[in-house]
Amino acid sequence: MKKRIVIALGGNALGKTVSEQAVVVKGTVKVIADLIRDGHEVIISHGNGPQVGMIQKALSALHAQDPENYEICPLYVCAAMSQGYIGYDLQKALKNELVKSGISKRISTLLTQVEVDSKDPAFENPTKPIGAYVSEEEAKRLRQTRGFVFAEDAGRGIRRVVASPKPVNILEIDTIRSMLDQGEIVIACGGGGIPVVKNAEDEYEGIEAIIDKDFASAKLAELIHADYLIILTAVEKVAINYGKPDQQWLSRMSVKEAERYIEEGQFAPGSMLPKVEAAMQFAGSGQGRRALITLLEKAKEGIEGKTGTEIVCC
């Protein structure tokens, strides 16, 4: 049966540099094209961790060299830039792949603003690492000159961290629905979306934050009434007791079971935990909605119930 599917691409589906990405996405879109050939309606979202860090680093270097002619670029503007060039590579590669099968589909990338709550507790405790590792000396300078917050990243070095608030709305959701109604393939909420808040004048404005792309994808799937949310990761299935002798791979997990596993500390923060939480959020948002966590190349098999970890409401 035809399903409406939101597929959330992770970093391994995009590559880490401009040239690498252009090559990697050619393989990525083959999986997406398979789902489209099977008659499914596919909406694509993606991460942007390496890309947004690269953009901001390059623009910051320009400012350092010539501050009179180059301004410091806000993180939310860098996020918009990353949506554009990642979307370009994806829609070009997917268009070319579909043409090989004789499928003519309009594919569009939509710059997407995602609203967050300015009072979200995440702003009091920035945790999302972005950009390159820096020395303690460089971190000290940027703390003083830019007000950046830095933290140790899993013992690998010091990186800037920013707030990661939860998405509450997608400003372009009506446009996305209209595009889907016209039969278009839509790439939206790239990098978790461009984070915006309402100010005192009830106007939207960008804010320094990174929205987790899995939570943004879950909100997108919820608002367009998708049947499936596929969250792609580096493992075929979710496991409990991961890396231990009694490790167990899970084929199916209810929201209640997932809640119990989270209480037990089964899923690593910053890794599997947000993916499971986003899957739970979508699966619990409406009747018959399901989420799947699996490898990119296993997405089709996962939809067919052959692999992956399926998260359901009950």
C-alpha atoms as a PDB file:
ATOM      1  CA  MET A   1       0.000   0.000   0.000  1.00  0.00           C
ATOM      2  CA  LYS A   2       1.146   3.543  -0.770  1.00  0.00           C
ATOM      3  CA  LYS A   3       2.451   5.319   2.321  1.00  0.00           C
ATOM      4  CA  ARG A   4       3.408   8.912   3.062  1.00  0.00           C
ATOM      5  CA  ILE A   5       6.952   8.673   4.398  1.00  0.00           C
ATOM      6  CA  VAL A   6       9.256  11.260   5.950  1.00  0.00           C
ATOM      7  CA  ILE A   7      12.833  10.065   5.613  1.00  0.00           C
ATOM      8  CA  ALA A   8      15.400  11.792   7.862  1.00  0.00           C
ATOM      9  CA  LEU A   9      18.890  11.548   6.398  1.00  0.00           C
ATOM     10  CA  GLY A  10      21.862  11.552   8.751  1.00  0.00           C
ATOM     11  CA  GLY A  11      25.423  12.749   8.179  1.00  0.00           C
ATOM     12  CA  ASN A  12      26.563   9.418   6.701  1.00  0.00           C
ATOM     13  CA  ALA A  13      24.087   9.977   3.850  1.00  0.00           C
ATOM     14  CA  LEU A  14      25.597  13.350   2.916  1.00  0.00           C
ATOM     15  CA  GLY A  15      29.367  13.341   3.345  1.00  0.00           C
ATOM     16  CA  LYS A  16      31.463  15.965   5.113  1.00  0.00           C
ATOM     17  CA  THR A  17      32.783  18.212   2.337  1.00  0.00           C
ATOM     18  CA  VAL A  18      31.262  19.856  -0.735  1.00  0.00           C
ATOM     19  CA  SER A  19      32.955  17.472  -3.173  1.00  0.00           C
ATOM     20  CA  GLU A  20      32.343  14.387  -1.014  1.00  0.00           C
ATOM     21  CA  GLN A  21      28.672  15.264  -0.633  1.00  0.00           C
ATOM     22  CA  ALA A  22      28.150  15.538  -4.388  1.00  0.00           C
ATOM     23  CA  VAL A  23      29.384  11.938  -4.707  1.00  0.00           C
ATOM     24  CA  VAL A  24      27.765  10.418  -1.610  1.00  0.00           C
ATOM     25  CA  VAL A  25      24.243  11.669  -2.371  1.00  0.00           C
ATOM     26  CA  LYS A  26      24.244   9.737  -5.646  1.00  0.00           C
ATOM     27  CA  GLY A  27      24.154   6.555  -3.578  1.00  0.00           C
ATOM     28  CA  THR A  28      21.756   8.018  -1.034  1.00  0.00           C
ATOM     29  CA  VAL A  29      19.081   8.878  -3.584  1.00  0.00           C
ATOM     30  CA  LYS A  30      19.050   5.333  -4.975  1.00  0.00           C
ATOM     31  CA  VAL A  31      17.412   4.220  -1.731  1.00  0.00           C
ATOM     32  CA  ILE A  32      14.902   7.084  -1.870  1.00  0.00           C
ATOM     33  CA  ALA A  33      14.158   6.368  -5.532  1.00  0.00           C
ATOM     34  CA  ASP A  34      13.385   2.718  -4.671  1.00  0.00           C
ATOM     35  CA  LEU A  35      10.673   3.867  -2.261  1.00  0.00           C
ATOM     36  CA  ILE A  36       9.236   6.198  -4.898  1.00  0.00           C
ATOM     37  CA  ARG A  37       9.243   3.432  -7.529  1.00  0.00           C
ATOM     38  CA  ASP A  38       7.249   1.313  -5.068  1.00  0.00           C
ATOM     39  CA  GLY A  39       4.573   4.019  -5.104  1.00  0.00           C
ATOM     40  CA  HIS A  40       5.312   5.690  -1.784  1.00  0.00           C
ATOM     41  CA  GLU A  41       5.098   9.457  -1.279  1.00  0.00           C
ATOM     42  CA  VAL A  42       8.455  10.586   0.102  1.00  0.00           C
ATOM     43  CA  ILE A  43       9.348  13.774   1.960  1.00  0.00           C
ATOM     44  CA  ILE A  44      13.042  14.291   2.708  1.00  0.00           C
ATOM     45  CA  SER A  45      14.697  15.970   5.674  1.00  0.00           C
ATOM     46  CA  HIS A  46      18.372  15.928   6.556  1.00  0.00           C
ATOM     47  CA  GLY A  47      21.047  16.899   9.041  1.00  0.00           C
ATOM     48  CA  ASN A  48      23.647  19.622   8.468  1.00  0.00           C
ATOM     49  CA  GLY A  49      26.193  19.295  11.288  1.00  0.00           C
ATOM     50  CA  PRO A  50      29.461  19.313   9.303  1.00  0.00           C
ATOM     51  CA  GLN A  51      28.047  21.636   6.646  1.00  0.00           C
ATOM     52  CA  VAL A  52      26.782  24.423   8.900  1.00  0.00           C
ATOM     53  CA  GLY A  53      30.017  24.322  10.886  1.00  0.00           C
ATOM     54  CA  MET A  54      32.032  24.593   7.679  1.00  0.00           C
ATOM     55  CA  ILE A  55      29.992  27.573   6.471  1.00  0.00           C
ATOM     56  CA  GLN A  56      30.289  29.454   9.736  1.00  0.00           C
ATOM     57  CA  LYS A  57      34.009  28.744  10.011  1.00  0.00           C
ATOM     58  CA  ALA A  58      34.631  30.052   6.482  1.00  0.00           C
ATOM     59  CA  LEU A  59      32.606  33.218   7.030  1.00  0.00           C
ATOM     60  CA  SER A  60      34.215  33.821  10.422  1.00  0.00           C
ATOM     61  CA  ALA A  61      37.643  33.561   8.772  1.00  0.00           C
ATOM     62  CA  LEU A  62      36.606  36.192   6.221  1.00  0.00           C
ATOM     63  CA  HIS A  63      35.490  38.498   9.022  1.00  0.00           C
ATOM     64  CA  ALA A  64      38.768  37.997  10.886  1.00  0.00           C
ATOM     65  CA  GLN A  65      40.750  38.921   7.769  1.00  0.00           C
ATOM     66  CA  ASP A  66      38.628  41.885   6.703  1.00  0.00           C
ATOM     67  CA  PRO A  67      36.184  42.950   9.448  1.00  0.00           C
ATOM     68  CA  GLU A  68      35.181  46.159   7.671  1.00  0.00           C
ATOM     69  CA  ASN A  69      33.781  44.347   4.635  1.00  0.00           C
ATOM     70  CA  TYR A  70      32.630  41.008   6.081  1.00  0.00           C
ATOM     71  CA  GLU A  71      30.177  40.754   8.959  1.00  0.00           C
ATOM     72  CA  ILE A  72      29.943  37.920  11.453  1.00  0.00           C
ATOM     73  CA  CYS A  73      27.258  35.630  10.072  1.00  0.00           C
ATOM     74  CA  PRO A  74      24.573  34.453  12.527  1.00  0.00           C
ATOM     75  CA  LEU A  75      24.211  30.713  12.953  1.00  0.00           C
ATOM     76  CA  TYR A  76      20.615  30.743  11.703  1.00  0.00           C
ATOM     77  CA  VAL A  77      21.736  32.364   8.431  1.00  0.00           C
ATOM     78  CA  CYS A  78      24.409  29.670   8.072  1.00  0.00           C
ATOM     79  CA  ALA A  79      21.645  27.094   8.591  1.00  0.00           C
ATOM     80  CA  ALA A  80      19.668  28.648   5.732  1.00  0.00           C
ATOM     81  CA  MET A  81      22.729  28.499   3.487  1.00  0.00           C
ATOM     82  CA  SER A  82      23.254  24.827   4.311  1.00  0.00           C
ATOM     83  CA  GLN A  83      19.628  24.029   3.465  1.00  0.00           C
ATOM     84  CA  GLY A  84      20.147  25.529   0.041  1.00  0.00           C
ATOM     85  CA  TYR A  85      23.280  23.742  -1.048  1.00  0.00           C
ATOM     86  CA  ILE A  86      22.450  20.367   0.532  1.00  0.00           C
ATOM     87  CA  GLY A  87      18.985  20.525  -1.023  1.00  0.00           C
ATOM     88  CA  TYR A  88      20.493  21.342  -4.404  1.00  0.00           C
ATOM     89  CA  ASP A  89      22.704  18.255  -4.363  1.00  0.00           C
ATOM     90  CA  LEU A  90      19.836  16.030  -3.222  1.00  0.00           C
ATOM     91  CA  GLN A  91      17.234  17.247  -5.698  1.00  0.00           C
ATOM     92  CA  LYS A  92      19.667  17.156  -8.628  1.00  0.00           C
ATOM     93  CA  ALA A  93      20.839  13.620  -7.818  1.00  0.00           C
ATOM     94  CA  LEU A  94      17.301  12.339  -7.152  1.00  0.00           C
ATOM     95  CA  LYS A  95      15.971  13.891 -10.364  1.00  0.00           C
ATOM     96  CA  ASN A  96      18.725  12.182 -12.361  1.00  0.00           C
ATOM     97  CA  GLU A  97      18.072   8.844 -10.646  1.00  0.00           C
ATOM     98  CA  LEU A  98      14.314   8.944 -11.281  1.00  0.00           C
ATOM     99  CA  VAL A  99      14.758   9.886 -14.935  1.00  0.00           C
ATOM    100  CA  LYS A 100      16.665   6.615 -15.423  1.00  0.00           C
ATOM    101  CA  SER A 101      13.449   4.809 -14.455  1.00  0.00           C
ATOM    102  CA  GLY A 102      11.255   6.975 -16.660  1.00  0.00           C
ATOM    103  CA  ILE A 103       9.733   8.745 -13.643  1.00  0.00           C
ATOM    104  CA  SER A 104       9.033  12.455 -14.056  1.00  0.00           C
ATOM    105  CA  LYS A 105       8.587  14.175 -10.704  1.00  0.00           C
ATOM    106  CA  ARG A 106       8.959  17.764  -9.607  1.00  0.00           C
ATOM    107  CA  ILE A 107      11.451  17.997  -6.746  1.00  0.00           C
ATOM    108  CA  SER A 108      11.824  21.150  -4.661  1.00  0.00           C
ATOM    109  CA  THR A 109      13.922  22.265  -1.717  1.00  0.00           C
ATOM    110  CA  LEU A 110      12.058  24.578   0.620  1.00  0.00           C
ATOM    111  CA  LEU A 111      13.925  26.892   2.986  1.00  0.00           C
ATOM    112  CA  THR A 112      12.106  26.021   6.177  1.00  0.00           C
ATOM    113  CA  GLN A 113      11.728  28.092   9.328  1.00  0.00           C
ATOM    114  CA  VAL A 114      11.001  26.068  12.456  1.00  0.00           C
ATOM    115  CA  GLU A 115       9.574  27.879  15.457  1.00  0.00           C
ATOM    116  CA  VAL A 116      10.943  27.202  18.923  1.00  0.00           C
ATOM    117  CA  ASP A 117       9.947  28.549  22.328  1.00  0.00           C
ATOM    118  CA  SER A 118      12.271  31.333  23.483  1.00  0.00           C
ATOM    119  CA  LYS A 119      11.719  30.054  27.037  1.00  0.00           C
ATOM    120  CA  ASP A 120      12.776  26.495  26.199  1.00  0.00           C
ATOM    121  CA  PRO A 121      15.088  25.286  29.023  1.00  0.00           C
ATOM    122  CA  ALA A 122      17.633  24.274  26.368  1.00  0.00           C
ATOM    123  CA  PHE A 123      18.705  27.904  26.083  1.00  0.00           C
ATOM    124  CA  GLU A 124      19.917  27.754  29.676  1.00  0.00           C
ATOM    125  CA  ASN A 125      22.021  24.669  28.999  1.00  0.00           C
ATOM    126  CA  PRO A 126      23.632  24.603  25.530  1.00  0.00           C
ATOM    127  CA  THR A 127      24.682  21.064  24.613  1.00  0.00           C
ATOM    128  CA  LYS A 128      24.729  20.751  20.812  1.00  0.00           C
ATOM    129  CA  PRO A 129      28.340  20.694  19.497  1.00  0.00           C
ATOM    130  CA  ILE A 130      29.029  22.479  16.206  1.00  0.00           C
ATOM    131  CA  GLY A 131      32.044  23.383  14.136  1.00  0.00           C
ATOM    132  CA  ALA A 132      35.668  22.367  14.452  1.00  0.00           C
ATOM    133  CA  TYR A 133      37.643  21.461  17.571  1.00  0.00           C
ATOM    134  CA  VAL A 134      39.570  24.403  19.000  1.00  0.00           C
ATOM    135  CA  SER A 135      42.387  24.913  21.471  1.00  0.00           C
ATOM    136  CA  GLU A 136      41.698  26.159  24.990  1.00  0.00           C
ATOM    137  CA  GLU A 137      43.372  29.432  24.029  1.00  0.00           C
ATOM    138  CA  GLU A 138      41.095  29.889  21.011  1.00  0.00           C
ATOM    139  CA  ALA A 139      38.024  28.962  23.083  1.00  0.00           C
ATOM    140  CA  LYS A 140      38.980  31.572  25.677  1.00  0.00           C
ATOM    141  CA  ARG A 141      39.298  34.244  23.007  1.00  0.00           C
ATOM    142  CA  LEU A 142      35.933  33.404  21.452  1.00  0.00           C
ATOM    143  CA  ARG A 143      34.251  33.337  24.857  1.00  0.00           C
ATOM    144  CA  GLN A 144      35.475  36.875  25.450  1.00  0.00           C
ATOM    145  CA  THR A 145      34.912  38.314  21.972  1.00  0.00           C
ATOM    146  CA  ARG A 146      31.818  36.456  20.770  1.00  0.00           C
ATOM    147  CA  GLY A 147      30.173  35.137  23.925  1.00  0.00           C
ATOM    148  CA  PHE A 148      30.390  31.563  22.643  1.00  0.00           C
ATOM    149  CA  VAL A 149      29.980  28.602  24.992  1.00  0.00           C
ATOM    150  CA  PHE A 150      32.466  25.719  24.729  1.00  0.00           C
ATOM    151  CA  ALA A 151      32.518  22.226  26.174  1.00  0.00           C
ATOM    152  CA  GLU A 152      34.504  19.003  26.002  1.00  0.00           C
ATOM    153  CA  ASP A 153      33.089  16.745  23.274  1.00  0.00           C
ATOM    154  CA  ALA A 154      33.231  13.105  24.389  1.00  0.00           C
ATOM    155  CA  GLY A 155      36.918  13.346  25.284  1.00  0.00           C
ATOM    156  CA  ARG A 156      37.885  14.290  21.725  1.00  0.00           C
ATOM    157  CA  GLY A 157      38.503  18.001  22.297  1.00  0.00           C
ATOM    158  CA  ILE A 158      36.798  21.336  22.818  1.00  0.00           C
ATOM    159  CA  ARG A 159      33.963  22.485  20.559  1.00  0.00           C
ATOM    160  CA  ARG A 160      31.423  25.252  20.604  1.00  0.00           C
ATOM    161  CA  VAL A 161      28.019  24.196  21.948  1.00  0.00           C
ATOM    162  CA  VAL A 162      24.672  25.874  21.295  1.00  0.00           C
ATOM    163  CA  ALA A 163      21.133  25.389  22.535  1.00  0.00           C
ATOM    164  CA  SER A 164      19.032  22.635  20.957  1.00  0.00           C
ATOM    165  CA  PRO A 165      15.408  23.612  21.655  1.00  0.00           C
ATOM    166  CA  LYS A 166      12.445  21.460  20.644  1.00  0.00           C
ATOM    167  CA  PRO A 167      10.438  22.449  17.554  1.00  0.00           C
ATOM    168  CA  VAL A 168       6.887  23.667  18.218  1.00  0.00           C
ATOM    169  CA  ASN A 169       5.758  24.613  14.694  1.00  0.00           C
ATOM    170  CA  ILE A 170       6.885  24.754  11.065  1.00  0.00           C
ATOM    171  CA  LEU A 171       6.106  28.103   9.468  1.00  0.00           C
ATOM    172  CA  GLU A 172       6.001  26.789   5.897  1.00  0.00           C
ATOM    173  CA  ILE A 173       3.826  23.767   6.701  1.00  0.00           C
ATOM    174  CA  ASP A 174       0.886  24.923   4.548  1.00  0.00           C
ATOM    175  CA  THR A 175       3.220  25.389   1.590  1.00  0.00           C
ATOM    176  CA  ILE A 176       4.647  21.904   2.134  1.00  0.00           C
ATOM    177  CA  ARG A 177       1.134  20.416   2.209  1.00  0.00           C
ATOM    178  CA  SER A 178       0.203  22.234  -1.015  1.00  0.00           C
ATOM    179  CA  MET A 179       3.349  20.982  -2.749  1.00  0.00           C
ATOM    180  CA  LEU A 180       2.594  17.413  -1.665  1.00  0.00           C
ATOM    181  CA  ASP A 181      -0.993  17.742  -2.911  1.00  0.00           C
ATOM    182  CA  GLN A 182       0.460  18.680  -6.323  1.00  0.00           C
ATOM    183  CA  GLY A 183       2.532  15.506  -6.362  1.00  0.00           C
ATOM    184  CA  GLU A 184       5.901  17.148  -5.696  1.00  0.00           C
ATOM    185  CA  ILE A 185       8.760  15.567  -3.799  1.00  0.00           C
ATOM    186  CA  VAL A 186       9.713  18.025  -1.062  1.00  0.00           C
ATOM    187  CA  ILE A 187      13.021  18.486   0.744  1.00  0.00           C
ATOM    188  CA  ALA A 188      12.273  20.426   3.930  1.00  0.00           C
ATOM    189  CA  CYS A 189      13.410  21.105   7.498  1.00  0.00           C
ATOM    190  CA  GLY A 190      17.057  20.687   6.503  1.00  0.00           C
ATOM    191  CA  GLY A 191      19.382  20.706   9.497  1.00  0.00           C
ATOM    192  CA  GLY A 192      16.377  20.756  11.809  1.00  0.00           C
ATOM    193  CA  GLY A 193      15.121  23.943  10.164  1.00  0.00           C
ATOM    194  CA  ILE A 194      16.095  27.585  10.521  1.00  0.00           C
ATOM    195  CA  PRO A 195      15.319  28.282  14.211  1.00  0.00           C
ATOM    196  CA  VAL A 196      13.026  31.253  14.776  1.00  0.00           C
ATOM    197  CA  VAL A 197      11.148  32.714  17.759  1.00  0.00           C
ATOM    198  CA  LYS A 198       8.450  35.342  18.148  1.00  0.00           C
ATOM    199  CA  ASN A 199       9.726  38.619  19.577  1.00  0.00           C
ATOM    200  CA  ALA A 200       7.933  41.214  21.711  1.00  0.00           C
ATOM    201  CA  GLU A 201       6.326  42.696  18.573  1.00  0.00           C
ATOM    202  CA  ASP A 202       4.923  39.269  17.682  1.00  0.00           C
ATOM    203  CA  GLU A 203       7.315  39.031  14.727  1.00  0.00           C
ATOM    204  CA  TYR A 204       9.496  36.069  13.852  1.00  0.00           C
ATOM    205  CA  GLU A 205      13.253  36.419  14.077  1.00  0.00           C
ATOM    206  CA  GLY A 206      16.179  34.015  13.851  1.00  0.00           C
ATOM    207  CA  ILE A 207      17.910  32.783  16.972  1.00  0.00           C
ATOM    208  CA  GLU A 208      21.296  31.156  17.683  1.00  0.00           C
ATOM    209  CA  ALA A 209      20.411  27.498  18.072  1.00  0.00           C
ATOM    210  CA  ILE A 210      20.472  24.136  16.317  1.00  0.00           C
ATOM    211  CA  ILE A 211      17.264  22.111  16.289  1.00  0.00           C
ATOM    212  CA  ASP A 212      17.837  18.366  16.311  1.00  0.00           C
ATOM    213  CA  LYS A 213      16.919  17.172  12.812  1.00  0.00           C
ATOM    214  CA  ASP A 214      15.189  14.045  14.139  1.00  0.00           C
ATOM    215  CA  PHE A 215      12.813  16.066  16.320  1.00  0.00           C
ATOM    216  CA  ALA A 216      12.162  18.473  13.451  1.00  0.00           C
ATOM    217  CA  SER A 217      11.502  15.506  11.174  1.00  0.00           C
ATOM    218  CA  ALA A 218       9.071  14.059  13.722  1.00  0.00           C
ATOM    219  CA  LYS A 219       7.206  17.384  13.884  1.00  0.00           C
ATOM    220  CA  LEU A 220       7.141  17.561  10.070  1.00  0.00           C
ATOM    221  CA  ALA A 221       5.803  13.998   9.838  1.00  0.00           C
ATOM    222  CA  GLU A 222       3.163  14.778  12.448  1.00  0.00           C
ATOM    223  CA  LEU A 223       1.939  17.965  10.741  1.00  0.00           C
ATOM    224  CA  ILE A 224       1.647  16.438   7.265  1.00  0.00           C
ATOM    225  CA  HIS A 225      -0.071  13.324   8.661  1.00  0.00           C
ATOM    226  CA  ALA A 226       2.609  10.923   7.480  1.00  0.00           C
ATOM    227  CA  ASP A 227       2.242   7.184   7.897  1.00  0.00           C
ATOM    228  CA  TYR A 228       5.926   6.535   8.525  1.00  0.00           C
ATOM    229  CA  LEU A 229       8.935   8.380   9.867  1.00  0.00           C
ATOM    230  CA  ILE A 230      12.216   6.736   8.921  1.00  0.00           C
ATOM    231  CA  ILE A 231      15.210   7.863  10.971  1.00  0.00           C
ATOM    232  CA  LEU A 232      18.438   6.685   9.396  1.00  0.00           C
ATOM    233  CA  THR A 233      21.456   5.937  11.523  1.00  0.00           C
ATOM    234  CA  ALA A 234      24.699   3.927  11.573  1.00  0.00           C
ATOM    235  CA  VAL A 235      23.173   0.655  12.830  1.00  0.00           C
ATOM    236  CA  GLU A 236      20.529  -1.649  11.374  1.00  0.00           C
ATOM    237  CA  LYS A 237      18.536  -1.905  14.597  1.00  0.00           C
ATOM    238  CA  VAL A 238      18.291  -0.315  18.033  1.00  0.00           C
ATOM    239  CA  ALA A 239      19.843  -2.388  20.826  1.00  0.00           C
ATOM    240  CA  ILE A 240      19.512  -2.600  24.584  1.00  0.00           C
ATOM    241  CA  ASN A 241      22.566  -3.470  26.685  1.00  0.00           C
ATOM    242  CA  TYR A 242      24.579  -2.204  23.728  1.00  0.00           C
ATOM    243  CA  GLY A 243      28.158  -3.487  23.626  1.00  0.00           C
ATOM    244  CA  LYS A 244      27.587  -5.913  26.504  1.00  0.00           C
ATOM    245  CA  PRO A 245      27.500  -9.733  26.454  1.00  0.00           C
ATOM    246  CA  ASP A 246      23.707  -9.683  26.775  1.00  0.00           C
ATOM    247  CA  GLN A 247      23.201  -7.141  23.967  1.00  0.00           C
ATOM    248  CA  GLN A 248      19.787  -7.521  22.335  1.00  0.00           C
ATOM    249  CA  TRP A 249      18.720  -6.107  18.976  1.00  0.00           C
ATOM    250  CA  LEU A 250      15.120  -4.908  18.909  1.00  0.00           C
ATOM    251  CA  SER A 251      12.798  -5.427  15.936  1.00  0.00           C
ATOM    252  CA  ARG A 252       9.806  -3.729  17.513  1.00  0.00           C
ATOM    253  CA  MET A 253       9.320  -1.410  20.458  1.00  0.00           C
ATOM    254  CA  SER A 254       6.216   0.254  21.854  1.00  0.00           C
ATOM    255  CA  VAL A 255       6.328   3.787  23.222  1.00  0.00           C
ATOM    256  CA  LYS A 256       5.843   2.414  26.743  1.00  0.00           C
ATOM    257  CA  GLU A 257       8.708  -0.041  26.314  1.00  0.00           C
ATOM    258  CA  ALA A 258      10.906   2.749  24.975  1.00  0.00           C
ATOM    259  CA  GLU A 259      10.069   4.888  28.015  1.00  0.00           C
ATOM    260  CA  ARG A 260      11.187   2.055  30.285  1.00  0.00           C
ATOM    261  CA  TYR A 261      14.431   1.591  28.379  1.00  0.00           C
ATOM    262  CA  ILE A 262      15.123   5.323  28.610  1.00  0.00           C
ATOM    263  CA  GLU A 263      14.589   5.222  32.384  1.00  0.00           C
ATOM    264  CA  GLU A 264      17.136   2.390  32.493  1.00  0.00           C
ATOM    265  CA  GLY A 265      19.646   4.550  30.589  1.00  0.00           C
ATOM    266  CA  GLN A 266      19.794   2.155  27.635  1.00  0.00           C
ATOM    267  CA  PHE A 267      20.298   4.808  24.936  1.00  0.00           C
ATOM    268  CA  ALA A 268      23.280   7.140  24.721  1.00  0.00           C
ATOM    269  CA  PRO A 269      22.539  10.887  24.916  1.00  0.00           C
ATOM    270  CA  GLY A 270      23.585  12.695  21.750  1.00  0.00           C
ATOM    271  CA  SER A 271      23.496   9.420  19.825  1.00  0.00           C
ATOM    272  CA  MET A 272      20.615   6.928  19.908  1.00  0.00           C
ATOM    273  CA  LEU A 273      18.558   8.650  22.625  1.00  0.00           C
ATOM    274  CA  PRO A 274      17.268  11.611  20.545  1.00  0.00           C
ATOM    275  CA  LYS A 275      16.440   9.266  17.665  1.00  0.00           C
ATOM    276  CA  VAL A 276      14.358   7.037  19.926  1.00  0.00           C
ATOM    277  CA  GLU A 277      12.677  10.046  21.554  1.00  0.00           C
ATOM    278  CA  ALA A 278      11.815  11.551  18.161  1.00  0.00           C
ATOM    279  CA  ALA A 279      10.447   8.195  16.989  1.00  0.00           C
ATOM    280  CA  MET A 280       8.335   7.971  20.137  1.00  0.00           C
ATOM    281  CA  GLN A 281       7.041  11.503  19.611  1.00  0.00           C
ATOM    282  CA  PHE A 282       5.782  10.705  16.127  1.00  0.00           C
ATOM    283  CA  ALA A 283       4.465   7.212  16.883  1.00  0.00           C
ATOM    284  CA  GLY A 284       2.443   8.622  19.765  1.00  0.00           C
ATOM    285  CA  SER A 285       1.042  11.562  17.791  1.00  0.00           C
ATOM    286  CA  GLY A 286      -1.780   9.763  15.992  1.00  0.00           C
ATOM    287  CA  GLN A 287      -3.528   6.509  15.208  1.00  0.00           C
ATOM    288  CA  GLY A 288      -1.556   4.086  13.055  1.00  0.00           C
ATOM    289  CA  ARG A 289       1.624   6.140  12.878  1.00  0.00           C
ATOM    290  CA  ARG A 290       4.892   4.234  12.932  1.00  0.00           C
ATOM    291  CA  ALA A 291       8.550   5.149  13.118  1.00  0.00           C
ATOM    292  CA  LEU A 292      11.488   3.127  11.882  1.00  0.00           C
ATOM    293  CA  ILE A 293      15.152   3.386  12.888  1.00  0.00           C
ATOM    294  CA  THR A 294      17.593   1.633  10.582  1.00  0.00           C
ATOM    295  CA  LEU A 295      20.450   1.920   8.087  1.00  0.00           C
ATOM    296  CA  LEU A 296      20.022   3.951   4.909  1.00  0.00           C
ATOM    297  CA  GLU A 297      20.390   0.929   2.656  1.00  0.00           C
ATOM    298  CA  LYS A 298      17.827  -1.021   4.715  1.00  0.00           C
ATOM    299  CA  ALA A 299      15.013   1.554   4.500  1.00  0.00           C
ATOM    300  CA  LYS A 300      12.976  -0.351   1.901  1.00  0.00           C
ATOM    301  CA  GLU A 301      13.343  -3.651   3.768  1.00  0.00           C
ATOM    302  CA  GLY A 302      12.364  -1.875   6.981  1.00  0.00           C
ATOM    303  CA  ILE A 303       9.127  -0.582   5.462  1.00  0.00           C
ATOM    304  CA  GLU A 304       8.420  -4.168   4.372  1.00  0.00           C
ATOM    305  CA  GLY A 305       8.886  -5.316   7.982  1.00  0.00           C
ATOM    306  CA  LYS A 306      12.053  -7.305   7.275  1.00  0.00           C
ATOM    307  CA  THR A 307      14.542  -5.363   9.391  1.00  0.00           C
ATOM    308  CA  GLY A 308      15.108  -2.216  11.450  1.00  0.00           C
ATOM    309  CA  THR A 309      13.480  -1.268  14.725  1.00  0.00           C
ATOM    310  CA  GLU A 310       9.839  -0.233  14.419  1.00  0.00           C
ATOM    311  CA  ILE A 311       8.399   2.033  17.113  1.00  0.00           C
ATOM    312  CA  VAL A 312       4.631   1.940  17.569  1.00  0.00           C
ATOM    313  CA  CYS A 313       2.197   3.610  19.912  1.00  0.00           C
ATOM    314  CA  CYS A 314       1.044   0.484  21.754  1.00  0.00           C
END
